[in-house]
Amino acid sequence: MTPTDRPILWTAAEAAEATGGGGGADWTASGVSIDSRDITPGDLFIALEGPRFDGHDYVADALARGAAAALVARRPDRVDAEAPLLVVGDTFDALYDLGRVARDRTTARVIAVTGSVGKTGIKEALRLMLGDQAPTLASLASLNNHWGVPLTLARLPRDAAYAVVEMGMNHAGELTPLSRLARPHVAMVTTIESVHAAHFDSVEAIADAKAEIFAGLEPGGIAVLNRDNPRFGRLAEAARAAGVERIVGFGGGADSEARLLTADPEDGGWRVTAQIGPTLLAYRVPLAARHWALGSVSALAAVVAVGADPHRAAATLADLVAPPGRGRMIEIGLGDGRLRVIDESYNASPVAVAAALDVLGRHRPDGAGRRIAVLGDMLELGDRSSDLHGDLAGPLESAAIDLVFTVGHEMETLWNRLPATRRGGHAATARDVLPLVVGAVRPGDVVMVKGSRGMRTDRIVEVLRGLDGVAPDRRVNGE
């Protein structure tokens, strides 16, 4: 679909009524954007203001790139007097208003997804499965916070049958307003783990914060919860306290309404059988991480909860691709062979790193190749951070990882616990470790890169990707 073919999301009159703004120009918008660099012709550009940026500085650029109009709190510099502007009191409040009105006018069945890990992957699986059956909107990338959720809703097409809204948090109190804005029909919590522990006193407190997703659940709504997780009972109790009458548990036990029956390795993925209520399903998940087998069951439970066809949805999972930074495999021509890179660079927590190392351990290097892990600091772990980093020595040993590169202050604890034969190199930053990694990799290696977002381990992936077809004597070590 070309930009001009996109259906109209907002008219000037509708946006003005939703936000209480004014401007006078007549326009229609077929998209909504908050980043002038990503403007598609026909978008409404919203000039948000933050502590380190002001979207008003980019209004002229957005209009030059084809934005239909700009939503602003004041007239920016370098903008013609006739420019199509919608002037409001506060642009963030106006974005929230657009999301609220879009949610009010839709007939789409809405699924909200949160959890300590796995929420973006499940969101993408739901986008694939539901999008194959009817018009579906899902959050882009990881737009899951206080501005990402209203932005997702503001983009909701009028003809959407389904909407999948990812919701993230790292402090208590953040999910309640997002849930009340999205008003989901189905609320899923993928799992509860010790993530963002620096902001919480206990894992139970993390569970309580995730349970805020039930605050906005529509009457008759369904909670989909991980029955295998130790905090299932706590979440179920919170759901019932919020008025939720139906709870669907997913897991491997006989007490799970959505049950993983078998998961057998097959061609770098999994052959799965599952029971979703009375429905028996057999299907393939083409991703190597073991958690995808249970994750697929949770996604199918949500599919059934919104009334879509589970058989068709399960068959669609064969086309599932890992989101960027979350386990995507990249093959790179190197010398007379190949280098395989598992891109896990988006974020990191102890449970997620252990899972990624398990995946790396399941890959067989070519020829004399090695299993190599490049690990950046896991952030926001609180007082136990040093111990949790050091404890990764166990999963590294279990997965038979040959060589380890570490990045960051906290990873020094792990580095000091590694035997000399496993030490590849340590540096304070991703930039500093790059020459060490690039100089070490050789044909046949399988490299997994993972670290918290703030460590910028994605730069390592991009440099390794750039080695494709480059002769060894012409490599540039990270520059």
Protein backbone atom coordinates (compact mmCIF):
# COMPACT_ATOMS: atom_id res chain seq x y z
CA MET A 1 0.00 0.00 0.00
CA THR A 2 1.44 3.38 -0.98
CA PRO A 3 1.10 6.41 1.34
CA THR A 4 -1.65 7.88 -0.83
CA ASP A 5 -3.60 4.63 -0.60
CA ARG A 6 -3.63 4.61 3.19
CA PRO A 7 -7.06 5.21 4.73
CA ILE A 8 -7.68 8.45 6.57
CA LEU A 9 -7.05 8.25 10.29
CA TRP A 10 -7.78 11.85 11.25
CA THR A 11 -9.37 14.89 9.68
CA ALA A 12 -8.46 18.34 10.94
CA ALA A 13 -11.92 18.68 12.50
CA GLU A 14 -11.72 15.30 14.27
CA ALA A 15 -8.26 15.99 15.67
CA ALA A 16 -9.30 19.45 16.82
CA GLU A 17 -12.37 18.06 18.58
CA ALA A 18 -10.34 15.29 20.23
CA THR A 19 -7.60 17.59 21.52
CA GLY A 20 -9.40 20.91 21.99
CA GLY A 21 -6.90 22.48 19.61
CA GLY A 22 -7.31 25.02 16.86
CA GLY A 23 -5.59 26.09 13.71
CA GLY A 24 -7.97 26.72 10.87
CA ALA A 25 -6.24 24.71 8.12
CA ASP A 26 -8.10 21.81 6.55
CA TRP A 27 -6.15 18.57 6.21
CA THR A 28 -6.43 14.81 6.52
CA ALA A 29 -3.83 12.48 8.01
CA SER A 30 -3.31 8.82 7.18
CA GLY A 31 -0.69 8.22 9.89
CA VAL A 32 0.69 9.65 13.12
CA SER A 33 4.40 10.19 13.86
CA ILE A 34 6.52 11.69 16.62
CA ASP A 35 9.84 11.38 14.74
CA SER A 36 10.48 13.72 11.82
CA ARG A 37 13.04 11.27 10.43
CA ASP A 38 10.38 8.62 9.95
CA ILE A 39 7.68 10.73 8.34
CA THR A 40 5.59 9.04 5.68
CA PRO A 41 3.77 11.53 3.43
CA GLY A 42 0.33 12.09 4.88
CA ASP A 43 1.36 11.71 8.55
CA LEU A 44 0.30 14.00 11.37
CA PHE A 45 3.53 15.00 13.12
CA ILE A 46 3.26 15.51 16.89
CA ALA A 47 5.92 17.79 18.37
CA LEU A 48 6.57 16.20 21.76
CA GLU A 49 8.86 17.88 24.26
CA GLY A 50 11.30 15.98 26.49
CA PRO A 51 14.20 16.73 28.81
CA ARG A 52 16.73 16.43 25.97
CA PHE A 53 14.70 17.27 22.86
CA ASP A 54 11.91 19.50 21.59
CA GLY A 55 9.88 18.27 18.65
CA HIS A 56 9.04 21.85 17.73
CA ASP A 57 12.60 22.15 16.40
CA TYR A 58 11.74 19.56 13.74
CA VAL A 59 8.32 20.69 12.57
CA ALA A 60 9.69 22.39 9.46
CA ASP A 61 11.60 19.21 8.56
CA ALA A 62 8.51 17.06 9.09
CA LEU A 63 6.41 19.27 6.83
CA ALA A 64 9.15 19.27 4.20
CA ARG A 65 9.11 15.47 4.27
CA GLY A 66 5.41 15.42 3.50
CA ALA A 67 3.63 15.60 6.85
CA ALA A 68 -0.02 16.54 6.35
CA ALA A 69 0.02 18.74 9.45
CA ALA A 70 1.84 19.27 12.74
CA LEU A 71 0.37 19.20 16.23
CA VAL A 72 2.19 21.85 18.27
CA ALA A 73 1.99 23.84 21.50
CA ARG A 74 3.36 27.00 19.84
CA ARG A 75 4.27 28.20 16.37
CA PRO A 76 7.78 26.90 15.65
CA ASP A 77 10.58 28.75 13.91
CA ARG A 78 11.07 28.32 10.16
CA VAL A 79 7.41 27.49 9.57
CA ASP A 80 5.29 29.48 7.12
CA ALA A 81 2.27 31.35 8.39
CA GLU A 82 0.06 29.18 6.17
CA ALA A 83 1.49 25.89 7.43
CA PRO A 84 -1.12 23.34 8.56
CA LEU A 85 -0.76 23.44 12.33
CA LEU A 86 -3.04 22.21 15.11
CA VAL A 87 -2.19 24.26 18.19
CA VAL A 88 -2.90 22.70 21.61
CA GLY A 89 -2.04 23.45 25.20
CA ASP A 90 0.24 20.44 25.66
CA THR A 91 1.30 18.08 22.89
CA PHE A 92 1.65 15.00 25.12
CA ASP A 93 -1.85 15.52 26.51
CA ALA A 94 -3.08 15.91 22.93
CA LEU A 95 -1.42 12.64 21.90
CA TYR A 96 -3.14 10.97 24.84
CA ASP A 97 -6.45 12.48 23.72
CA LEU A 98 -6.01 11.15 20.19
CA GLY A 99 -5.34 7.69 21.60
CA ARG A 100 -8.40 7.88 23.85
CA VAL A 101 -10.73 8.97 21.05
CA ALA A 102 -9.36 6.38 18.64
CA ARG A 103 -9.98 3.69 21.26
CA ASP A 104 -13.50 4.99 21.90
CA ARG A 105 -14.49 4.85 18.25
CA THR A 106 -13.04 1.44 17.36
CA THR A 107 -14.87 -1.88 17.33
CA ALA A 108 -11.54 -3.79 17.37
CA ARG A 109 -10.89 -6.48 19.94
CA VAL A 110 -7.92 -5.25 21.96
CA ILE A 111 -5.19 -7.44 23.48
CA ALA A 112 -2.77 -5.88 25.98
CA VAL A 113 0.54 -7.69 26.58
CA THR A 114 2.97 -7.12 29.43
CA GLY A 115 5.51 -9.24 31.32
CA SER A 116 9.09 -9.22 32.55
CA VAL A 117 10.36 -10.80 29.32
CA GLY A 118 8.89 -11.92 26.02
CA LYS A 119 6.20 -9.31 25.50
CA THR A 120 7.55 -7.92 22.21
CA GLY A 121 7.93 -11.40 20.74
CA ILE A 122 4.40 -12.38 21.73
CA LYS A 123 3.09 -9.12 20.33
CA GLU A 124 4.77 -9.88 17.01
CA ALA A 125 3.37 -13.42 16.98
CA LEU A 126 -0.12 -12.01 17.55
CA ARG A 127 0.41 -9.44 14.80
CA LEU A 128 1.28 -12.26 12.40
CA MET A 129 -1.52 -14.62 13.40
CA LEU A 130 -4.35 -12.11 13.68
CA GLY A 131 -3.18 -10.06 10.70
CA ASP A 132 -3.57 -13.13 8.55
CA GLN A 133 -7.26 -13.26 9.46
CA ALA A 134 -8.43 -9.62 9.60
CA PRO A 135 -7.10 -6.03 9.68
CA THR A 136 -4.82 -5.82 12.72
CA LEU A 137 -2.81 -3.07 14.38
CA ALA A 138 0.07 -3.87 16.72
CA SER A 139 2.58 -1.66 18.51
CA LEU A 140 5.65 -0.91 16.42
CA ALA A 141 9.04 -1.93 17.80
CA SER A 142 8.80 -1.52 21.59
CA LEU A 143 6.45 1.46 21.76
CA ASN A 144 5.12 0.38 25.13
CA ASN A 145 5.48 3.30 27.54
CA HIS A 146 3.52 6.42 28.54
CA TRP A 147 3.78 7.88 25.04
CA GLY A 148 4.16 4.66 23.03
CA VAL A 149 0.77 3.28 24.04
CA PRO A 150 -1.26 6.42 23.16
CA LEU A 151 0.72 6.70 19.92
CA THR A 152 -0.18 3.12 19.02
CA LEU A 153 -3.86 3.79 19.72
CA ALA A 154 -3.80 7.07 17.79
CA ARG A 155 -2.71 5.02 14.75
CA LEU A 156 -5.63 2.59 15.08
CA PRO A 157 -7.40 2.31 11.69
CA ARG A 158 -11.16 2.59 11.65
CA ASP A 159 -11.55 -0.83 10.03
CA ALA A 160 -9.25 -2.72 12.43
CA ALA A 161 -10.69 -5.96 13.77
CA TYR A 162 -7.87 -6.52 16.26
CA ALA A 163 -5.34 -4.38 18.11
CA VAL A 164 -2.33 -5.70 20.04
CA VAL A 165 -0.88 -3.19 22.49
CA GLU A 166 2.42 -3.86 24.25
CA MET A 167 2.76 -2.31 27.71
CA GLY A 168 6.03 -1.94 29.60
CA MET A 169 6.98 -0.46 32.95
CA ASN A 170 9.89 -0.16 35.34
CA HIS A 171 8.09 1.53 38.25
CA ALA A 172 4.87 0.83 40.09
CA GLY A 173 1.89 2.89 38.96
CA GLU A 174 2.86 3.07 35.28
CA LEU A 175 0.58 0.39 33.84
CA THR A 176 -2.70 1.54 35.43
CA PRO A 177 -3.20 4.63 33.21
CA LEU A 178 -2.05 2.73 30.12
CA SER A 179 -4.53 -0.08 30.74
CA ARG A 180 -7.35 2.37 31.37
CA LEU A 181 -6.50 4.12 28.13
CA ALA A 182 -6.35 0.93 26.04
CA ARG A 183 -9.30 -0.79 27.76
CA PRO A 184 -8.29 -4.25 26.56
CA HIS A 185 -10.61 -7.21 26.11
CA VAL A 186 -7.69 -9.56 26.86
CA ALA A 187 -4.79 -8.82 29.22
CA MET A 188 -1.75 -11.11 29.08
CA VAL A 189 1.18 -11.30 31.49
CA THR A 190 3.92 -13.39 29.83
CA THR A 191 5.92 -14.08 33.01
CA ILE A 192 7.26 -12.47 36.16
CA GLU A 193 11.01 -12.35 36.75
CA SER A 194 13.53 -10.23 38.64
CA VAL A 195 13.77 -7.50 35.99
CA HIS A 196 14.04 -3.78 36.89
CA ALA A 197 14.78 -5.06 40.40
CA ALA A 198 16.52 -1.79 41.29
CA HIS A 199 13.08 -0.17 41.45
CA PHE A 200 11.30 -2.89 43.45
CA ASP A 201 11.76 -4.46 46.87
CA SER A 202 10.84 -7.97 45.71
CA VAL A 203 9.68 -10.08 42.79
CA GLU A 204 6.22 -9.99 44.40
CA ALA A 205 6.26 -6.20 44.05
CA ILE A 206 7.10 -6.64 40.36
CA ALA A 207 4.10 -8.97 40.02
CA ASP A 208 1.85 -6.40 41.70
CA ALA A 209 3.02 -3.71 39.28
CA LYS A 210 2.42 -5.99 36.27
CA ALA A 211 -1.05 -6.78 37.66
CA GLU A 212 -2.00 -3.15 37.05
CA ILE A 213 -2.72 -4.25 33.48
CA PHE A 214 -6.06 -5.56 34.77
CA ALA A 215 -7.16 -2.04 35.83
CA GLY A 216 -8.67 -1.15 32.47
CA LEU A 217 -9.88 -4.58 31.35
CA GLU A 218 -13.27 -4.33 29.70
CA PRO A 219 -16.30 -5.95 31.41
CA GLY A 220 -16.23 -9.65 30.52
CA GLY A 221 -12.52 -9.39 29.71
CA ILE A 222 -10.09 -12.29 30.00
CA ALA A 223 -6.75 -12.51 31.78
CA VAL A 224 -4.15 -14.84 30.18
CA LEU A 225 -1.51 -15.82 32.75
CA ASN A 226 1.52 -18.08 32.98
CA ARG A 227 0.46 -20.96 35.22
CA ASP A 228 4.03 -22.29 35.31
CA ASN A 229 5.30 -19.09 36.93
CA PRO A 230 5.49 -19.06 40.77
CA ARG A 231 3.55 -15.76 40.84
CA PHE A 232 0.53 -17.14 38.97
CA GLY A 233 -1.58 -17.26 42.13
CA ARG A 234 -0.71 -13.71 43.06
CA LEU A 235 -1.59 -12.44 39.58
CA ALA A 236 -4.83 -14.45 39.49
CA GLU A 237 -5.85 -13.01 42.85
CA ALA A 238 -5.14 -9.49 41.61
CA ALA A 239 -7.16 -10.15 38.45
CA ARG A 240 -10.15 -11.34 40.46
CA ALA A 241 -9.85 -8.32 42.75
CA ALA A 242 -10.02 -6.12 39.63
CA GLY A 243 -13.29 -7.79 38.62
CA VAL A 244 -11.91 -10.28 36.09
CA GLU A 245 -14.22 -13.29 35.94
CA ARG A 246 -12.29 -15.49 33.51
CA ILE A 247 -8.64 -16.42 33.87
CA VAL A 248 -6.92 -18.61 31.26
CA GLY A 249 -3.74 -20.23 32.50
CA PHE A 250 -1.11 -21.37 30.00
CA GLY A 251 1.67 -23.81 30.80
CA GLY A 252 2.81 -27.40 30.67
CA GLY A 253 0.70 -28.85 33.48
CA ALA A 254 -2.64 -30.63 33.32
CA ASP A 255 -4.27 -27.72 35.15
CA SER A 256 -3.50 -25.32 32.27
CA GLU A 257 -6.44 -24.43 30.05
CA ALA A 258 -3.92 -23.62 27.31
CA ARG A 259 -1.45 -26.47 27.61
CA LEU A 260 1.87 -27.19 25.92
CA LEU A 261 1.77 -30.95 25.32
CA THR A 262 5.03 -31.58 23.43
CA ALA A 263 7.89 -29.53 22.01
CA ASP A 264 10.44 -31.39 19.91
CA PRO A 265 13.50 -29.74 18.27
CA GLU A 266 13.16 -29.59 14.48
CA ASP A 267 15.39 -27.81 11.94
CA GLY A 268 16.40 -24.97 14.25
CA GLY A 269 12.89 -24.60 15.64
CA TRP A 270 10.23 -26.62 17.43
CA ARG A 271 7.47 -29.02 16.46
CA VAL A 272 4.72 -28.28 18.98
CA THR A 273 1.46 -29.89 20.01
CA ALA A 274 -0.86 -27.91 22.24
CA GLN A 275 -4.35 -28.09 23.71
CA ILE A 276 -6.21 -24.77 23.80
CA GLY A 277 -9.43 -25.56 25.63
CA PRO A 278 -11.03 -28.36 23.61
CA THR A 279 -8.89 -27.67 20.53
CA LEU A 280 -5.86 -29.84 19.75
CA LEU A 281 -3.22 -28.15 17.59
CA ALA A 282 0.00 -29.32 15.93
CA TYR A 283 2.29 -26.73 14.35
CA ARG A 284 5.87 -25.54 13.84
CA VAL A 285 7.66 -22.59 15.43
CA PRO A 286 10.80 -21.80 13.37
CA LEU A 287 12.76 -20.12 16.20
CA ALA A 288 15.49 -21.82 18.21
CA ALA A 289 14.80 -20.41 21.69
CA ARG A 290 13.00 -22.93 23.85
CA HIS A 291 10.71 -20.30 25.39
CA TRP A 292 9.01 -19.87 22.02
CA ALA A 293 7.27 -23.22 22.42
CA LEU A 294 5.38 -22.05 25.53
CA GLY A 295 5.14 -18.52 24.16
CA SER A 296 3.28 -19.79 21.12
CA VAL A 297 0.73 -21.45 23.41
CA SER A 298 0.14 -18.19 25.28
CA ALA A 299 -0.35 -16.33 22.00
CA LEU A 300 -2.82 -18.96 20.76
CA ALA A 301 -4.73 -18.64 24.04
CA ALA A 302 -5.13 -14.92 23.30
CA VAL A 303 -6.18 -15.69 19.71
CA VAL A 304 -8.98 -17.91 20.99
CA ALA A 305 -9.94 -15.32 23.61
CA VAL A 306 -10.67 -12.70 20.92
CA GLY A 307 -12.62 -15.18 18.79
CA ALA A 308 -10.11 -15.78 15.97
CA ASP A 309 -9.45 -19.15 14.30
CA PRO A 310 -6.77 -21.09 16.25
CA HIS A 311 -6.08 -23.65 13.50
CA ARG A 312 -5.32 -20.94 10.94
CA ALA A 313 -3.33 -18.99 13.52
CA ALA A 314 -1.19 -21.99 14.46
CA ALA A 315 -0.37 -22.69 10.82
CA THR A 316 0.72 -19.06 10.40
CA LEU A 317 3.36 -19.46 13.12
CA ALA A 318 5.53 -21.30 10.59
CA ASP A 319 6.31 -17.85 9.12
CA LEU A 320 7.30 -16.26 12.44
CA VAL A 321 10.55 -14.26 12.46
CA ALA A 322 12.30 -13.07 15.61
CA PRO A 323 12.11 -9.28 16.07
CA PRO A 324 15.38 -7.37 15.58
CA GLY A 325 17.60 -7.61 18.62
CA ARG A 326 15.59 -10.48 20.09
CA GLY A 327 17.15 -13.63 18.70
CA ARG A 328 17.27 -12.91 14.98
CA MET A 329 19.88 -15.01 13.17
CA ILE A 330 22.20 -13.21 10.73
CA GLU A 331 24.45 -15.10 8.31
CA ILE A 332 27.61 -13.31 7.20
CA GLY A 333 30.02 -14.41 4.51
CA LEU A 334 33.46 -14.57 6.09
CA GLY A 335 36.54 -15.84 4.28
CA ASP A 336 35.75 -19.17 2.71
CA GLY A 337 32.87 -19.85 5.11
CA ARG A 338 30.24 -18.10 7.17
CA LEU A 339 29.85 -16.35 10.48
CA ARG A 340 26.48 -16.69 12.21
CA VAL A 341 25.39 -13.93 14.58
CA ILE A 342 22.47 -14.31 16.98
CA ASP A 343 21.27 -10.75 17.56
CA GLU A 344 20.00 -10.54 21.15
CA SER A 345 21.22 -6.99 21.58
CA TYR A 346 17.97 -5.22 22.45
CA ASN A 347 17.95 -5.83 26.19
CA ALA A 348 19.12 -8.19 28.92
CA SER A 349 18.16 -9.69 32.27
CA PRO A 350 19.49 -12.78 34.07
CA VAL A 351 16.70 -15.05 32.86
CA ALA A 352 16.92 -13.69 29.30
CA VAL A 353 20.71 -14.07 29.11
CA ALA A 354 20.50 -17.63 30.41
CA ALA A 355 17.89 -18.43 27.76
CA ALA A 356 20.01 -16.86 25.03
CA LEU A 357 23.05 -18.86 26.12
CA ASP A 358 20.97 -22.02 25.95
CA VAL A 359 20.08 -21.14 22.35
CA LEU A 360 23.75 -20.50 21.53
CA GLY A 361 24.65 -23.84 23.06
CA ARG A 362 22.18 -25.60 20.76
CA HIS A 363 23.88 -24.25 17.63
CA ARG A 364 26.64 -26.39 16.14
CA PRO A 365 29.52 -24.31 14.72
CA ASP A 366 30.82 -25.11 11.24
CA GLY A 367 34.10 -26.97 11.04
CA ALA A 368 36.55 -25.62 13.61
CA GLY A 369 34.23 -22.78 14.56
CA ARG A 370 33.40 -21.82 18.13
CA ARG A 371 30.46 -20.70 20.21
CA ILE A 372 31.19 -17.12 21.24
CA ALA A 373 29.17 -14.97 23.66
CA VAL A 374 29.49 -11.18 23.77
CA LEU A 375 27.74 -9.97 26.93
CA GLY A 376 27.09 -6.41 28.08
CA ASP A 377 25.99 -5.26 31.53
CA MET A 378 22.47 -6.11 32.68
CA LEU A 379 21.15 -2.84 34.11
CA GLU A 380 18.65 -2.01 36.87
CA LEU A 381 19.33 -5.12 38.96
CA GLY A 382 19.79 -3.35 42.28
CA ASP A 383 21.90 -4.57 45.19
CA ARG A 384 22.32 -8.10 43.79
CA SER A 385 23.65 -6.91 40.45
CA SER A 386 27.22 -8.08 40.97
CA ASP A 387 26.17 -11.57 42.10
CA LEU A 388 23.67 -11.93 39.26
CA HIS A 389 26.34 -11.08 36.70
CA GLY A 390 28.79 -13.53 38.22
CA ASP A 391 26.15 -16.26 38.32
CA LEU A 392 26.14 -16.32 34.50
CA ALA A 393 29.28 -18.46 34.71
CA GLY A 394 27.00 -21.44 35.30
CA PRO A 395 24.87 -21.07 32.14
CA LEU A 396 28.04 -20.40 30.13
CA GLU A 397 29.50 -23.67 31.34
CA SER A 398 26.26 -25.60 30.76
CA ALA A 399 25.98 -24.31 27.19
CA ALA A 400 29.62 -25.19 26.44
CA ILE A 401 30.47 -21.66 25.29
CA ASP A 402 34.04 -21.55 23.99
CA LEU A 403 34.87 -17.86 24.20
CA VAL A 404 33.35 -14.93 26.11
CA PHE A 405 33.73 -11.18 25.63
CA THR A 406 32.32 -8.94 28.36
CA VAL A 407 31.37 -5.27 28.31
CA GLY A 408 30.84 -2.93 31.23
CA HIS A 409 31.64 -2.47 34.90
CA GLU A 410 29.18 -5.06 36.23
CA MET A 411 30.40 -7.73 33.81
CA GLU A 412 33.83 -7.57 35.45
CA THR A 413 32.42 -9.91 38.11
CA LEU A 414 31.67 -12.52 35.46
CA TRP A 415 35.00 -11.91 33.73
CA ASN A 416 36.84 -12.63 36.96
CA ARG A 417 35.01 -15.94 37.37
CA LEU A 418 35.81 -17.22 33.89
CA PRO A 419 38.63 -19.68 33.31
CA ALA A 420 41.47 -18.32 31.22
CA THR A 421 40.59 -20.62 28.34
CA ARG A 422 37.16 -19.01 28.03
CA ARG A 423 38.26 -15.38 28.22
CA GLY A 424 38.08 -13.55 24.90
CA GLY A 425 38.35 -9.98 26.14
CA HIS A 426 36.82 -7.34 28.40
CA ALA A 427 36.23 -3.63 27.85
CA ALA A 428 34.30 -0.82 29.46
CA THR A 429 32.17 -0.04 26.40
CA ALA A 430 30.83 -1.72 23.29
CA ARG A 431 33.02 0.56 21.19
CA ASP A 432 36.13 -0.55 23.07
CA VAL A 433 35.38 -4.26 22.80
CA LEU A 434 34.70 -4.10 19.06
CA PRO A 435 38.33 -4.49 17.90
CA LEU A 436 38.72 -7.49 20.18
CA VAL A 437 35.62 -9.23 18.82
CA VAL A 438 36.28 -8.40 15.17
CA GLY A 439 39.86 -9.55 15.46
CA ALA A 440 38.81 -12.86 17.02
CA VAL A 441 35.93 -14.10 14.86
CA ARG A 442 36.65 -16.58 12.09
CA PRO A 443 34.68 -18.69 9.60
CA GLY A 444 32.48 -21.26 11.28
CA ASP A 445 31.89 -19.29 14.49
CA VAL A 446 28.46 -18.71 16.01
CA VAL A 447 28.37 -15.44 17.97
CA MET A 448 25.59 -14.35 20.32
CA VAL A 449 25.49 -10.67 21.32
CA LYS A 450 23.38 -9.55 24.31
CA GLY A 451 23.28 -6.64 26.74
CA SER A 452 20.96 -4.06 28.23
CA ARG A 453 19.84 -1.34 25.85
CA GLY A 454 22.03 1.27 27.50
CA MET A 455 25.16 -0.75 26.74
CA ARG A 456 24.62 -0.32 22.97
CA THR A 457 25.68 -3.85 22.10
CA ASP A 458 23.64 -3.41 18.91
CA ARG A 459 26.71 -1.57 17.56
CA ILE A 460 28.66 -4.82 17.79
CA VAL A 461 26.02 -6.59 15.71
CA GLU A 462 26.10 -3.88 13.05
CA VAL A 463 29.90 -4.00 12.75
CA LEU A 464 29.86 -7.79 12.48
CA ARG A 465 27.16 -7.52 9.82
CA GLY A 466 29.47 -5.18 7.92
CA LEU A 467 32.11 -7.93 7.66
CA ASP A 468 29.97 -9.73 5.06
CA GLY A 469 32.23 -10.48 2.11
CA VAL A 470 35.14 -8.39 3.43
CA ALA A 471 38.58 -9.96 3.06
CA PRO A 472 40.33 -10.56 6.42
CA ASP A 473 43.16 -8.12 5.63
CA ARG A 474 40.64 -5.34 4.90
CA ARG A 475 38.66 -5.58 8.13
CA VAL A 476 38.29 -2.35 10.09
CA ASN A 477 38.16 -3.15 13.75
CA GLY A 478 34.98 -1.41 14.81
CA GLU A 479 35.60 1.95 13.20
